[in-house]
């Protein structure tokens, strides 16, 4: 499940999907202005979401590291 979530959070994947959708939209005659606007909006939103998810993972790792260090310090104090 984590592999799938990691893939879905990939900006490269979403950029490729937007590229394919843009190409298909142009092939099927959708207005180029609408296609450009939609593509830009999707890429912008995905960039923000990707940033938020990545920063959340970094923060979670930092908290886990801090908890581990506090536990080690507590163990060292109780042993003495």
C-alpha atoms as a PDB file:
ATOM      1  CA  UNK A   1       0.000   0.000   0.000  1.00  0.00           C
ATOM      2  CA  UNK A   2       2.858   2.376   0.820  1.00  0.00           C
ATOM      3  CA  UNK A   3       4.371   1.778  -2.628  1.00  0.00           C
ATOM      4  CA  UNK A   4       1.113   2.769  -4.290  1.00  0.00           C
ATOM      5  CA  UNK A   5       0.817   5.920  -2.159  1.00  0.00           C
ATOM      6  CA  UNK A   6       4.421   6.787  -2.948  1.00  0.00           C
ATOM      7  CA  UNK A   7       3.746   6.391  -6.669  1.00  0.00           C
ATOM      8  CA  UNK A   8       0.581   8.479  -6.443  1.00  0.00           C
ATOM      9  CA  UNK A   9       2.481  11.284  -4.720  1.00  0.00           C
ATOM     10  CA  UNK A  10       5.033  11.418  -7.527  1.00  0.00           C
ATOM     11  CA  UNK A  11       5.032  14.716  -9.396  1.00  0.00           C
ATOM     12  CA  UNK A  12       6.520  12.923 -12.400  1.00  0.00           C
ATOM     13  CA  UNK A  13       3.531  10.594 -12.593  1.00  0.00           C
ATOM     14  CA  UNK A  14       1.007  13.424 -12.389  1.00  0.00           C
ATOM     15  CA  UNK A  15       2.921  15.508 -14.896  1.00  0.00           C
ATOM     16  CA  UNK A  16       2.828  12.572 -17.300  1.00  0.00           C
ATOM     17  CA  UNK A  17      -0.902  12.085 -16.723  1.00  0.00           C
ATOM     18  CA  UNK A  18      -1.560  15.790 -17.308  1.00  0.00           C
ATOM     19  CA  UNK A  19       0.561  15.627 -20.464  1.00  0.00           C
ATOM     20  CA  UNK A  20      -1.430  12.687 -21.790  1.00  0.00           C
ATOM     21  CA  UNK A  21      -4.742  14.328 -20.895  1.00  0.00           C
ATOM     22  CA  UNK A  22      -3.624  17.562 -22.562  1.00  0.00           C
ATOM     23  CA  UNK A  23      -2.671  15.728 -25.723  1.00  0.00           C
ATOM     24  CA  UNK A  24      -5.958  13.847 -25.795  1.00  0.00           C
ATOM     25  CA  UNK A  25      -7.895  17.044 -25.185  1.00  0.00           C
ATOM     26  CA  UNK A  26      -6.220  18.720 -28.135  1.00  0.00           C
ATOM     27  CA  UNK A  27      -6.719  15.653 -30.358  1.00  0.00           C
ATOM     28  CA  UNK A  28     -10.436  15.578 -29.584  1.00  0.00           C
ATOM     29  CA  UNK A  29     -10.850  19.281 -30.291  1.00  0.00           C
ATOM     30  CA  UNK A  30     -11.234  20.761 -26.834  1.00  0.00           C
ATOM     31  CA  UNK A  31     -10.442  24.493 -26.795  1.00  0.00           C
ATOM     32  CA  UNK A  32      -6.697  24.994 -26.307  1.00  0.00           C
ATOM     33  CA  UNK A  33      -7.262  27.791 -23.822  1.00  0.00           C
ATOM     34  CA  UNK A  34      -9.381  25.518 -21.644  1.00  0.00           C
ATOM     35  CA  UNK A  35      -6.830  22.711 -21.914  1.00  0.00           C
ATOM     36  CA  UNK A  36      -3.975  25.048 -20.955  1.00  0.00           C
ATOM     37  CA  UNK A  37      -5.891  26.516 -18.029  1.00  0.00           C
ATOM     38  CA  UNK A  38      -6.902  23.122 -16.699  1.00  0.00           C
ATOM     39  CA  UNK A  39      -3.416  21.671 -17.130  1.00  0.00           C
ATOM     40  CA  UNK A  40      -1.836  24.611 -15.335  1.00  0.00           C
ATOM     41  CA  UNK A  41      -4.321  24.379 -12.488  1.00  0.00           C
ATOM     42  CA  UNK A  42      -3.784  20.640 -12.052  1.00  0.00           C
ATOM     43  CA  UNK A  43       0.005  20.964 -12.039  1.00  0.00           C
ATOM     44  CA  UNK A  44      -0.147  23.853  -9.548  1.00  0.00           C
ATOM     45  CA  UNK A  45      -2.449  21.990  -7.159  1.00  0.00           C
ATOM     46  CA  UNK A  46      -0.414  18.796  -7.381  1.00  0.00           C
ATOM     47  CA  UNK A  47       2.802  20.703  -6.665  1.00  0.00           C
ATOM     48  CA  UNK A  48       1.305  22.197  -3.509  1.00  0.00           C
ATOM     49  CA  UNK A  49      -0.136  18.872  -2.343  1.00  0.00           C
ATOM     50  CA  UNK A  50       3.137  17.090  -3.051  1.00  0.00           C
ATOM     51  CA  UNK A  51       5.033  19.722  -1.049  1.00  0.00           C
ATOM     52  CA  UNK A  52       2.647  19.421   1.900  1.00  0.00           C
ATOM     53  CA  UNK A  53       2.835  15.614   1.935  1.00  0.00           C
ATOM     54  CA  UNK A  54       6.629  15.640   1.665  1.00  0.00           C
ATOM     55  CA  UNK A  55       7.039  18.182   4.458  1.00  0.00           C
ATOM     56  CA  UNK A  56       4.622  16.157   6.600  1.00  0.00           C
ATOM     57  CA  UNK A  57       6.756  13.050   6.139  1.00  0.00           C
ATOM     58  CA  UNK A  58       9.908  14.988   7.015  1.00  0.00           C
ATOM     59  CA  UNK A  59       8.271  16.427  10.139  1.00  0.00           C
ATOM     60  CA  UNK A  60       7.012  12.986  11.190  1.00  0.00           C
ATOM     61  CA  UNK A  61      10.525  11.551  10.827  1.00  0.00           C
ATOM     62  CA  UNK A  62      11.940  14.406  12.907  1.00  0.00           C
ATOM     63  CA  UNK A  63       9.398  13.810  15.668  1.00  0.00           C
ATOM     64  CA  UNK A  64      10.119  10.073  15.668  1.00  0.00           C
ATOM     65  CA  UNK A  65      13.855  10.799  15.925  1.00  0.00           C
ATOM     66  CA  UNK A  66      13.292  13.239  18.805  1.00  0.00           C
ATOM     67  CA  UNK A  67      11.131  10.689  20.653  1.00  0.00           C
ATOM     68  CA  UNK A  68      13.810   8.042  20.227  1.00  0.00           C
ATOM     69  CA  UNK A  69      16.499  10.380  21.599  1.00  0.00           C
ATOM     70  CA  UNK A  70      14.349  11.313  24.602  1.00  0.00           C
ATOM     71  CA  UNK A  71      13.710   7.632  25.329  1.00  0.00           C
ATOM     72  CA  UNK A  72      17.440   6.898  25.111  1.00  0.00           C
ATOM     73  CA  UNK A  73      18.193   9.778  27.459  1.00  0.00           C
ATOM     74  CA  UNK A  74      15.525   8.554  29.878  1.00  0.00           C
ATOM     75  CA  UNK A  75      16.962   5.042  29.784  1.00  0.00           C
ATOM     76  CA  UNK A  76      20.462   6.376  30.441  1.00  0.00           C
ATOM     77  CA  UNK A  77      19.237   8.349  33.457  1.00  0.00           C
ATOM     78  CA  UNK A  78      17.364   5.422  35.005  1.00  0.00           C
ATOM     79  CA  UNK A  79      20.384   3.129  34.649  1.00  0.00           C
ATOM     80  CA  UNK A  80      22.587   5.442  36.702  1.00  0.00           C
END
